[in-house]
Amino acid sequence: MVRKWTPESKERLKLELGCTSWLTLTEPHGEDVNGALQCVTAYVNHIKDQVAPARKKDIKKALREGRNIHKAKLEDKLQRNNGREVWSGMRLITGYKLATGEEEGSLERANEMNEHFIRLGLAPLAQSPSAPVTTPDTQIIQPLPHSLPCPPPHRN
């Protein structure tokens, strides 16, 4: 990656690295030279990224390269007639999830939705206004009272 090093950024890097307690970084690794080297390298790279971040053009280039790699993988799967992997990848990219028949949520969210629909004048999904709803795990959910105050109708 290309970084633009100004005199100010060079001075800040010297200051940051000069204030570093190198013993604190290397001591936990004991005799493990490779571990200490990786730790110090990661620290220096972190400081370098903070002082002089990579240029935006380089980030765009990396994204373009990633898209090209993904495109090549997808084309390879299509050429091998591997439709299952193609659609699996498409679902992963789009965040599509198969419907399980169960909606996610909590009892509080269900009550919020009931209040909302009651205020709109729509009936809740319960069998009757006074009948409790029984869920598969035998939890009984009492319907909300129908005497909630309704907002006045909106007039133009």
N, C-alpha and C. Protein backbone atom coordinates (compact mmCIF):
# COMPACT_ATOMS: atom_id res chain seq x y z
N MET A 1 0.83 -1.17 0.00
CA MET A 1 0.00 0.00 0.00
C MET A 1 0.88 1.24 0.00
N VAL A 2 0.35 2.27 -0.58
CA VAL A 2 1.08 3.52 -0.66
C VAL A 2 0.60 4.43 0.46
N ARG A 3 1.56 4.97 1.19
CA ARG A 3 1.25 5.91 2.25
C ARG A 3 1.95 7.22 1.96
N LYS A 4 1.30 8.29 2.35
CA LYS A 4 1.92 9.60 2.17
C LYS A 4 2.53 10.01 3.50
N TRP A 5 3.85 10.07 3.53
CA TRP A 5 4.55 10.41 4.74
C TRP A 5 4.93 11.89 4.70
N THR A 6 4.26 12.67 5.52
CA THR A 6 4.60 14.09 5.64
C THR A 6 5.62 14.23 6.77
N PRO A 7 6.30 15.36 6.83
CA PRO A 7 7.24 15.55 7.96
C PRO A 7 6.53 15.42 9.32
N GLU A 8 5.26 15.87 9.39
CA GLU A 8 4.53 15.76 10.65
C GLU A 8 4.24 14.30 11.00
N SER A 9 3.87 13.50 9.99
CA SER A 9 3.57 12.10 10.28
C SER A 9 4.83 11.33 10.65
N LYS A 10 5.96 11.67 10.03
CA LYS A 10 7.23 11.03 10.40
C LYS A 10 7.60 11.36 11.84
N GLU A 11 7.40 12.61 12.22
CA GLU A 11 7.72 13.03 13.59
C GLU A 11 6.80 12.35 14.59
N ARG A 12 5.51 12.23 14.24
CA ARG A 12 4.55 11.56 15.13
C ARG A 12 4.91 10.09 15.30
N LEU A 13 5.34 9.43 14.20
CA LEU A 13 5.75 8.03 14.27
C LEU A 13 6.95 7.86 15.20
N LYS A 14 7.94 8.75 15.07
CA LYS A 14 9.11 8.70 15.94
C LYS A 14 8.70 8.87 17.40
N LEU A 15 7.78 9.81 17.64
CA LEU A 15 7.32 10.06 19.00
C LEU A 15 6.59 8.84 19.57
N GLU A 16 5.68 8.25 18.79
CA GLU A 16 4.93 7.08 19.24
C GLU A 16 5.86 5.90 19.53
N LEU A 17 6.78 5.63 18.62
CA LEU A 17 7.69 4.50 18.81
C LEU A 17 8.69 4.76 19.92
N GLY A 18 9.04 6.05 20.13
CA GLY A 18 9.97 6.40 21.21
C GLY A 18 9.34 6.23 22.58
N CYS A 19 8.04 6.35 22.68
CA CYS A 19 7.33 6.22 23.97
C CYS A 19 6.94 4.78 24.27
N THR A 20 7.21 3.88 23.36
CA THR A 20 6.77 2.49 23.51
C THR A 20 7.63 1.74 24.52
N SER A 21 7.00 0.98 25.38
CA SER A 21 7.70 0.11 26.31
C SER A 21 7.91 -1.24 25.61
N TRP A 22 9.05 -1.38 24.96
CA TRP A 22 9.33 -2.57 24.16
C TRP A 22 9.40 -3.82 25.02
N LEU A 23 9.86 -3.67 26.24
CA LEU A 23 9.95 -4.81 27.15
C LEU A 23 8.56 -5.36 27.46
N THR A 24 7.57 -4.47 27.56
CA THR A 24 6.20 -4.89 27.83
C THR A 24 5.67 -5.75 26.68
N LEU A 25 6.08 -5.42 25.46
CA LEU A 25 5.64 -6.19 24.29
C LEU A 25 6.34 -7.53 24.16
N THR A 26 7.63 -7.57 24.47
CA THR A 26 8.41 -8.78 24.23
C THR A 26 8.49 -9.73 25.43
N GLU A 27 8.39 -9.21 26.64
CA GLU A 27 8.57 -10.03 27.84
C GLU A 27 7.61 -11.22 27.94
N PRO A 28 6.31 -11.08 27.59
CA PRO A 28 5.41 -12.23 27.70
C PRO A 28 5.79 -13.41 26.80
N HIS A 29 6.62 -13.17 25.78
CA HIS A 29 6.98 -14.23 24.85
C HIS A 29 8.22 -15.02 25.31
N GLY A 30 8.90 -14.53 26.33
CA GLY A 30 10.05 -15.25 26.87
C GLY A 30 11.10 -15.56 25.81
N GLU A 31 11.41 -16.85 25.62
CA GLU A 31 12.42 -17.28 24.66
C GLU A 31 11.86 -17.43 23.24
N ASP A 32 10.57 -17.24 23.05
CA ASP A 32 9.93 -17.40 21.74
C ASP A 32 10.21 -16.15 20.89
N VAL A 33 11.28 -16.22 20.11
CA VAL A 33 11.70 -15.08 19.29
C VAL A 33 10.66 -14.78 18.21
N ASN A 34 10.11 -15.83 17.60
CA ASN A 34 9.12 -15.62 16.54
C ASN A 34 7.85 -14.95 17.08
N GLY A 35 7.42 -15.36 18.25
CA GLY A 35 6.24 -14.74 18.86
C GLY A 35 6.48 -13.28 19.18
N ALA A 36 7.67 -12.97 19.72
CA ALA A 36 8.02 -11.58 20.03
C ALA A 36 8.10 -10.75 18.75
N LEU A 37 8.68 -11.33 17.69
CA LEU A 37 8.79 -10.64 16.41
C LEU A 37 7.41 -10.34 15.82
N GLN A 38 6.51 -11.32 15.88
CA GLN A 38 5.15 -11.09 15.37
C GLN A 38 4.43 -10.01 16.17
N CYS A 39 4.61 -10.02 17.48
CA CYS A 39 3.97 -9.04 18.34
C CYS A 39 4.47 -7.64 18.03
N VAL A 40 5.77 -7.47 17.94
CA VAL A 40 6.36 -6.16 17.66
C VAL A 40 5.96 -5.68 16.26
N THR A 41 5.99 -6.60 15.28
CA THR A 41 5.60 -6.23 13.92
C THR A 41 4.15 -5.77 13.87
N ALA A 42 3.27 -6.48 14.55
CA ALA A 42 1.86 -6.10 14.58
C ALA A 42 1.68 -4.74 15.24
N TYR A 43 2.43 -4.49 16.30
CA TYR A 43 2.34 -3.21 16.99
C TYR A 43 2.82 -2.07 16.10
N VAL A 44 3.95 -2.26 15.45
CA VAL A 44 4.50 -1.21 14.57
C VAL A 44 3.54 -0.94 13.41
N ASN A 45 2.96 -2.00 12.83
CA ASN A 45 2.00 -1.81 11.75
C ASN A 45 0.76 -1.06 12.23
N HIS A 46 0.32 -1.35 13.45
CA HIS A 46 -0.83 -0.65 14.01
C HIS A 46 -0.52 0.84 14.16
N ILE A 47 0.64 1.16 14.71
CA ILE A 47 1.03 2.56 14.89
C ILE A 47 1.16 3.23 13.53
N LYS A 48 1.74 2.53 12.58
CA LYS A 48 1.90 3.08 11.23
C LYS A 48 0.54 3.38 10.60
N ASP A 49 -0.44 2.50 10.79
CA ASP A 49 -1.78 2.73 10.25
C ASP A 49 -2.45 3.92 10.93
N GLN A 50 -2.16 4.13 12.20
CA GLN A 50 -2.75 5.26 12.91
C GLN A 50 -2.13 6.59 12.47
N VAL A 51 -0.83 6.58 12.24
CA VAL A 51 -0.12 7.81 11.91
C VAL A 51 -0.31 8.20 10.44
N ALA A 52 -0.21 7.26 9.53
CA ALA A 52 -0.33 7.54 8.10
C ALA A 52 -1.19 6.46 7.45
N PRO A 53 -2.51 6.63 7.48
CA PRO A 53 -3.38 5.61 6.90
C PRO A 53 -3.17 5.46 5.39
N ALA A 54 -3.54 4.29 4.89
CA ALA A 54 -3.41 4.01 3.47
C ALA A 54 -4.31 4.94 2.67
N ARG A 55 -3.91 5.22 1.47
CA ARG A 55 -4.69 6.11 0.63
C ARG A 55 -5.95 5.43 0.12
N LYS A 56 -6.96 6.24 -0.16
CA LYS A 56 -8.27 5.73 -0.57
C LYS A 56 -8.18 4.97 -1.89
N LYS A 57 -7.31 5.41 -2.78
CA LYS A 57 -7.17 4.76 -4.07
C LYS A 57 -6.72 3.31 -3.90
N ASP A 58 -5.86 3.08 -2.91
CA ASP A 58 -5.38 1.72 -2.66
C ASP A 58 -6.50 0.83 -2.12
N ILE A 59 -7.37 1.41 -1.32
CA ILE A 59 -8.50 0.64 -0.78
C ILE A 59 -9.43 0.25 -1.91
N LYS A 60 -9.70 1.20 -2.83
CA LYS A 60 -10.56 0.89 -3.97
C LYS A 60 -9.94 -0.21 -4.83
N LYS A 61 -8.63 -0.16 -4.99
CA LYS A 61 -7.94 -1.18 -5.79
C LYS A 61 -8.08 -2.55 -5.12
N ALA A 62 -7.93 -2.60 -3.80
CA ALA A 62 -8.06 -3.88 -3.08
C ALA A 62 -9.48 -4.42 -3.19
N LEU A 63 -10.48 -3.53 -3.12
CA LEU A 63 -11.87 -3.97 -3.28
C LEU A 63 -12.11 -4.52 -4.69
N ARG A 64 -11.57 -3.84 -5.69
CA ARG A 64 -11.73 -4.30 -7.07
C ARG A 64 -11.09 -5.68 -7.25
N GLU A 65 -9.91 -5.87 -6.66
CA GLU A 65 -9.24 -7.17 -6.76
C GLU A 65 -10.08 -8.26 -6.07
N GLY A 66 -10.65 -7.93 -4.92
CA GLY A 66 -11.50 -8.89 -4.22
C GLY A 66 -12.73 -9.26 -5.03
N ARG A 67 -13.36 -8.26 -5.67
CA ARG A 67 -14.52 -8.54 -6.52
C ARG A 67 -14.13 -9.43 -7.69
N ASN A 68 -12.96 -9.18 -8.29
CA ASN A 68 -12.51 -10.00 -9.41
C ASN A 68 -12.25 -11.44 -8.99
N ILE A 69 -11.68 -11.62 -7.82
CA ILE A 69 -11.43 -12.97 -7.30
C ILE A 69 -12.76 -13.69 -7.08
N HIS A 70 -13.72 -12.98 -6.48
CA HIS A 70 -15.04 -13.58 -6.23
C HIS A 70 -15.72 -13.92 -7.56
N LYS A 71 -15.62 -13.03 -8.52
CA LYS A 71 -16.22 -13.26 -9.83
C LYS A 71 -15.63 -14.51 -10.48
N ALA A 72 -14.31 -14.66 -10.38
CA ALA A 72 -13.65 -15.84 -10.98
C ALA A 72 -14.13 -17.13 -10.30
N LYS A 73 -14.29 -17.10 -8.98
CA LYS A 73 -14.78 -18.28 -8.27
C LYS A 73 -16.20 -18.62 -8.69
N LEU A 74 -17.03 -17.60 -8.81
CA LEU A 74 -18.42 -17.81 -9.20
C LEU A 74 -18.51 -18.36 -10.62
N GLU A 75 -17.71 -17.81 -11.53
CA GLU A 75 -17.71 -18.31 -12.91
C GLU A 75 -17.22 -19.75 -12.97
N ASP A 76 -16.24 -20.09 -12.13
CA ASP A 76 -15.74 -21.46 -12.09
C ASP A 76 -16.83 -22.42 -11.65
N LYS A 77 -17.59 -22.03 -10.63
CA LYS A 77 -18.69 -22.88 -10.15
C LYS A 77 -19.76 -23.05 -11.23
N LEU A 78 -20.03 -21.97 -11.96
CA LEU A 78 -21.02 -22.06 -13.04
C LEU A 78 -20.53 -22.98 -14.16
N GLN A 79 -19.25 -22.88 -14.49
CA GLN A 79 -18.69 -23.72 -15.56
C GLN A 79 -18.70 -25.19 -15.16
N ARG A 80 -18.56 -25.47 -13.88
CA ARG A 80 -18.58 -26.86 -13.41
C ARG A 80 -20.01 -27.35 -13.15
N ASN A 81 -21.00 -26.53 -13.54
CA ASN A 81 -22.41 -26.85 -13.34
C ASN A 81 -22.73 -27.15 -11.87
N ASN A 82 -22.13 -26.38 -10.99
CA ASN A 82 -22.35 -26.57 -9.56
C ASN A 82 -23.33 -25.51 -9.07
N GLY A 83 -24.59 -25.67 -9.46
CA GLY A 83 -25.62 -24.70 -9.12
C GLY A 83 -25.87 -24.55 -7.65
N ARG A 84 -25.75 -25.64 -6.92
CA ARG A 84 -26.00 -25.60 -5.47
C ARG A 84 -25.03 -24.63 -4.79
N GLU A 85 -23.74 -24.71 -5.13
CA GLU A 85 -22.77 -23.81 -4.52
C GLU A 85 -22.99 -22.37 -4.96
N VAL A 86 -23.40 -22.19 -6.23
CA VAL A 86 -23.67 -20.83 -6.73
C VAL A 86 -24.79 -20.20 -5.91
N TRP A 87 -25.92 -20.92 -5.76
CA TRP A 87 -27.04 -20.36 -5.01
C TRP A 87 -26.71 -20.21 -3.53
N SER A 88 -25.91 -21.11 -3.00
CA SER A 88 -25.49 -20.98 -1.61
C SER A 88 -24.69 -19.69 -1.42
N GLY A 89 -23.80 -19.43 -2.37
CA GLY A 89 -23.02 -18.19 -2.32
C GLY A 89 -23.89 -16.96 -2.47
N MET A 90 -24.89 -17.03 -3.35
CA MET A 90 -25.79 -15.90 -3.55
C MET A 90 -26.60 -15.63 -2.27
N ARG A 91 -27.05 -16.69 -1.60
CA ARG A 91 -27.79 -16.51 -0.35
C ARG A 91 -26.89 -15.89 0.71
N LEU A 92 -25.63 -16.30 0.73
CA LEU A 92 -24.70 -15.75 1.70
C LEU A 92 -24.47 -14.26 1.45
N ILE A 93 -24.29 -13.90 0.19
CA ILE A 93 -24.03 -12.51 -0.15
C ILE A 93 -25.23 -11.63 0.18
N THR A 94 -26.42 -12.09 -0.16
CA THR A 94 -27.62 -11.27 0.02
C THR A 94 -28.20 -11.34 1.42
N GLY A 95 -27.76 -12.29 2.23
CA GLY A 95 -28.29 -12.44 3.58
C GLY A 95 -29.63 -13.15 3.61
N TYR A 96 -29.98 -13.83 2.52
CA TYR A 96 -31.26 -14.54 2.43
C TYR A 96 -31.27 -15.73 3.37
N LYS A 97 -32.37 -15.90 4.08
CA LYS A 97 -32.53 -17.05 4.97
C LYS A 97 -33.82 -17.75 4.61
N LEU A 98 -33.79 -19.07 4.65
CA LEU A 98 -35.00 -19.83 4.36
C LEU A 98 -36.02 -19.61 5.47
N ALA A 99 -37.27 -19.51 5.09
CA ALA A 99 -38.34 -19.32 6.08
C ALA A 99 -38.52 -20.61 6.87
N THR A 100 -38.53 -20.49 8.18
CA THR A 100 -38.70 -21.66 9.04
C THR A 100 -40.12 -21.77 9.56
N GLY A 101 -40.94 -20.79 9.25
CA GLY A 101 -42.31 -20.81 9.76
C GLY A 101 -42.44 -20.12 11.11
N GLU A 102 -41.32 -19.85 11.73
CA GLU A 102 -41.33 -19.17 13.02
C GLU A 102 -40.69 -17.80 12.85
N GLU A 103 -41.32 -16.82 13.40
CA GLU A 103 -40.77 -15.48 13.34
C GLU A 103 -39.94 -15.24 14.59
N GLU A 104 -38.87 -14.48 14.42
CA GLU A 104 -38.04 -14.14 15.56
C GLU A 104 -38.69 -12.99 16.31
N GLY A 105 -38.50 -12.95 17.59
CA GLY A 105 -39.02 -11.84 18.37
C GLY A 105 -39.28 -12.26 19.79
N SER A 106 -39.78 -11.33 20.54
CA SER A 106 -40.04 -11.58 21.95
C SER A 106 -41.49 -11.28 22.26
N LEU A 107 -41.88 -11.63 23.46
CA LEU A 107 -43.23 -11.36 23.93
C LEU A 107 -43.47 -9.85 23.96
N GLU A 108 -42.45 -9.10 24.37
CA GLU A 108 -42.58 -7.64 24.41
C GLU A 108 -42.84 -7.08 23.02
N ARG A 109 -42.13 -7.59 22.03
CA ARG A 109 -42.31 -7.12 20.65
C ARG A 109 -43.71 -7.47 20.16
N ALA A 110 -44.20 -8.66 20.50
CA ALA A 110 -45.54 -9.06 20.10
C ALA A 110 -46.58 -8.13 20.71
N ASN A 111 -46.39 -7.79 21.98
CA ASN A 111 -47.33 -6.87 22.62
C ASN A 111 -47.27 -5.47 22.00
N GLU A 112 -46.08 -5.02 21.63
CA GLU A 112 -45.96 -3.72 20.95
C GLU A 112 -46.72 -3.74 19.64
N MET A 113 -46.57 -4.82 18.89
CA MET A 113 -47.28 -4.92 17.61
C MET A 113 -48.78 -4.98 17.83
N ASN A 114 -49.24 -5.72 18.85
CA ASN A 114 -50.67 -5.78 19.16
C ASN A 114 -51.22 -4.39 19.47
N GLU A 115 -50.48 -3.63 20.31
CA GLU A 115 -50.93 -2.28 20.64
C GLU A 115 -51.02 -1.43 19.39
N HIS A 116 -50.05 -1.56 18.53
CA HIS A 116 -50.04 -0.78 17.29
C HIS A 116 -51.27 -1.09 16.44
N PHE A 117 -51.56 -2.37 16.23
CA PHE A 117 -52.68 -2.75 15.37
C PHE A 117 -54.03 -2.44 16.03
N ILE A 118 -54.08 -2.52 17.34
CA ILE A 118 -55.32 -2.17 18.04
C ILE A 118 -55.61 -0.68 17.84
N ARG A 119 -54.57 0.15 17.94
CA ARG A 119 -54.75 1.59 17.74
C ARG A 119 -55.20 1.90 16.32
N LEU A 120 -54.78 1.08 15.37
CA LEU A 120 -55.20 1.28 13.98
C LEU A 120 -56.61 0.76 13.74
N GLY A 121 -57.18 0.09 14.73
CA GLY A 121 -58.52 -0.44 14.59
C GLY A 121 -58.55 -1.82 13.95
N LEU A 122 -57.40 -2.45 13.82
CA LEU A 122 -57.35 -3.80 13.27
C LEU A 122 -57.39 -4.81 14.41
N ALA A 123 -58.08 -5.90 14.21
CA ALA A 123 -58.21 -6.91 15.25
C ALA A 123 -56.91 -7.68 15.40
N PRO A 124 -56.54 -8.06 16.62
CA PRO A 124 -55.37 -8.93 16.80
C PRO A 124 -55.65 -10.31 16.25
N LEU A 125 -54.62 -11.12 16.14
CA LEU A 125 -54.75 -12.44 15.55
C LEU A 125 -55.31 -13.49 16.50
N ALA A 126 -55.69 -13.10 17.70
CA ALA A 126 -56.23 -14.07 18.66
C ALA A 126 -57.59 -14.56 18.18
N GLN A 127 -58.00 -15.74 18.66
CA GLN A 127 -59.27 -16.33 18.24
C GLN A 127 -60.45 -15.44 18.61
N SER A 128 -60.45 -14.90 19.79
CA SER A 128 -61.50 -13.98 20.23
C SER A 128 -60.85 -12.97 21.16
N PRO A 129 -61.47 -11.84 21.39
CA PRO A 129 -60.83 -10.81 22.20
C PRO A 129 -60.46 -11.26 23.60
N SER A 130 -61.18 -12.22 24.17
CA SER A 130 -60.88 -12.61 25.54
C SER A 130 -60.15 -13.95 25.64
N ALA A 131 -59.94 -14.63 24.51
CA ALA A 131 -59.31 -15.96 24.56
C ALA A 131 -57.79 -15.81 24.57
N PRO A 132 -57.13 -16.49 25.52
CA PRO A 132 -55.67 -16.45 25.52
C PRO A 132 -55.12 -17.27 24.36
N VAL A 133 -53.94 -16.89 23.91
CA VAL A 133 -53.27 -17.61 22.83
C VAL A 133 -52.26 -18.57 23.46
N THR A 134 -52.28 -19.82 23.03
CA THR A 134 -51.35 -20.81 23.56
C THR A 134 -50.28 -21.06 22.52
N THR A 135 -49.03 -20.94 22.93
CA THR A 135 -47.91 -21.18 22.02
C THR A 135 -47.48 -22.63 22.12
N PRO A 136 -46.66 -23.12 21.16
CA PRO A 136 -46.25 -24.53 21.20
C PRO A 136 -45.56 -24.96 22.48
N ASP A 137 -44.88 -24.04 23.14
CA ASP A 137 -44.21 -24.42 24.38
C ASP A 137 -45.13 -24.21 25.59
N THR A 138 -46.42 -24.20 25.36
CA THR A 138 -47.50 -24.11 26.36
C THR A 138 -47.46 -22.84 27.19
N GLN A 139 -46.82 -21.81 26.68
CA GLN A 139 -46.84 -20.53 27.36
C GLN A 139 -48.14 -19.82 26.97
N ILE A 140 -48.86 -19.33 27.93
CA ILE A 140 -50.13 -18.66 27.64
C ILE A 140 -49.89 -17.16 27.57
N ILE A 141 -50.31 -16.58 26.47
CA ILE A 141 -50.17 -15.14 26.26
C ILE A 141 -51.55 -14.53 26.33
N GLN A 142 -51.76 -13.69 27.30
CA GLN A 142 -53.06 -13.04 27.45
C GLN A 142 -53.17 -11.91 26.43
N PRO A 143 -54.32 -11.76 25.80
CA PRO A 143 -54.48 -10.65 24.86
C PRO A 143 -54.50 -9.32 25.60
N LEU A 144 -54.16 -8.28 24.90
CA LEU A 144 -54.17 -6.95 25.48
C LEU A 144 -55.60 -6.48 25.64
N PRO A 145 -55.86 -5.63 26.63
CA PRO A 145 -57.21 -5.09 26.78
C PRO A 145 -57.56 -4.21 25.59
N HIS A 146 -58.82 -4.22 25.21
CA HIS A 146 -59.25 -3.45 24.05
C HIS A 146 -59.67 -2.04 24.42
N SER A 147 -59.47 -1.65 25.66
CA SER A 147 -59.89 -0.33 26.08
C SER A 147 -58.73 0.67 26.04
N LEU A 148 -57.74 0.41 25.19
CA LEU A 148 -56.63 1.33 25.07
C LEU A 148 -57.11 2.61 24.41
N PRO A 149 -56.60 3.74 24.82
CA PRO A 149 -57.04 4.99 24.21
C PRO A 149 -56.54 5.05 22.77
N CYS A 150 -57.43 5.43 21.87
CA CYS A 150 -57.05 5.56 20.47
C CYS A 150 -56.75 7.02 20.17
N PRO A 151 -55.78 7.26 19.33
CA PRO A 151 -55.48 8.64 18.97
C PRO A 151 -56.61 9.19 18.11
N PRO A 152 -56.83 10.50 18.13
CA PRO A 152 -57.88 11.08 17.29
C PRO A 152 -57.55 10.86 15.82
N PRO A 153 -58.58 10.77 14.97
CA PRO A 153 -58.30 10.57 13.56
C PRO A 153 -57.58 11.76 12.97
N HIS A 154 -56.73 11.48 12.01
CA HIS A 154 -55.94 12.51 11.36
C HIS A 154 -56.79 13.23 10.33
N ARG A 155 -56.82 14.55 10.42
CA ARG A 155 -57.61 15.34 9.47
C ARG A 155 -56.70 16.29 8.71
N ASN A 156 -56.99 16.43 7.44
CA ASN A 156 -56.17 17.31 6.59
C ASN A 156 -56.65 18.73 6.65
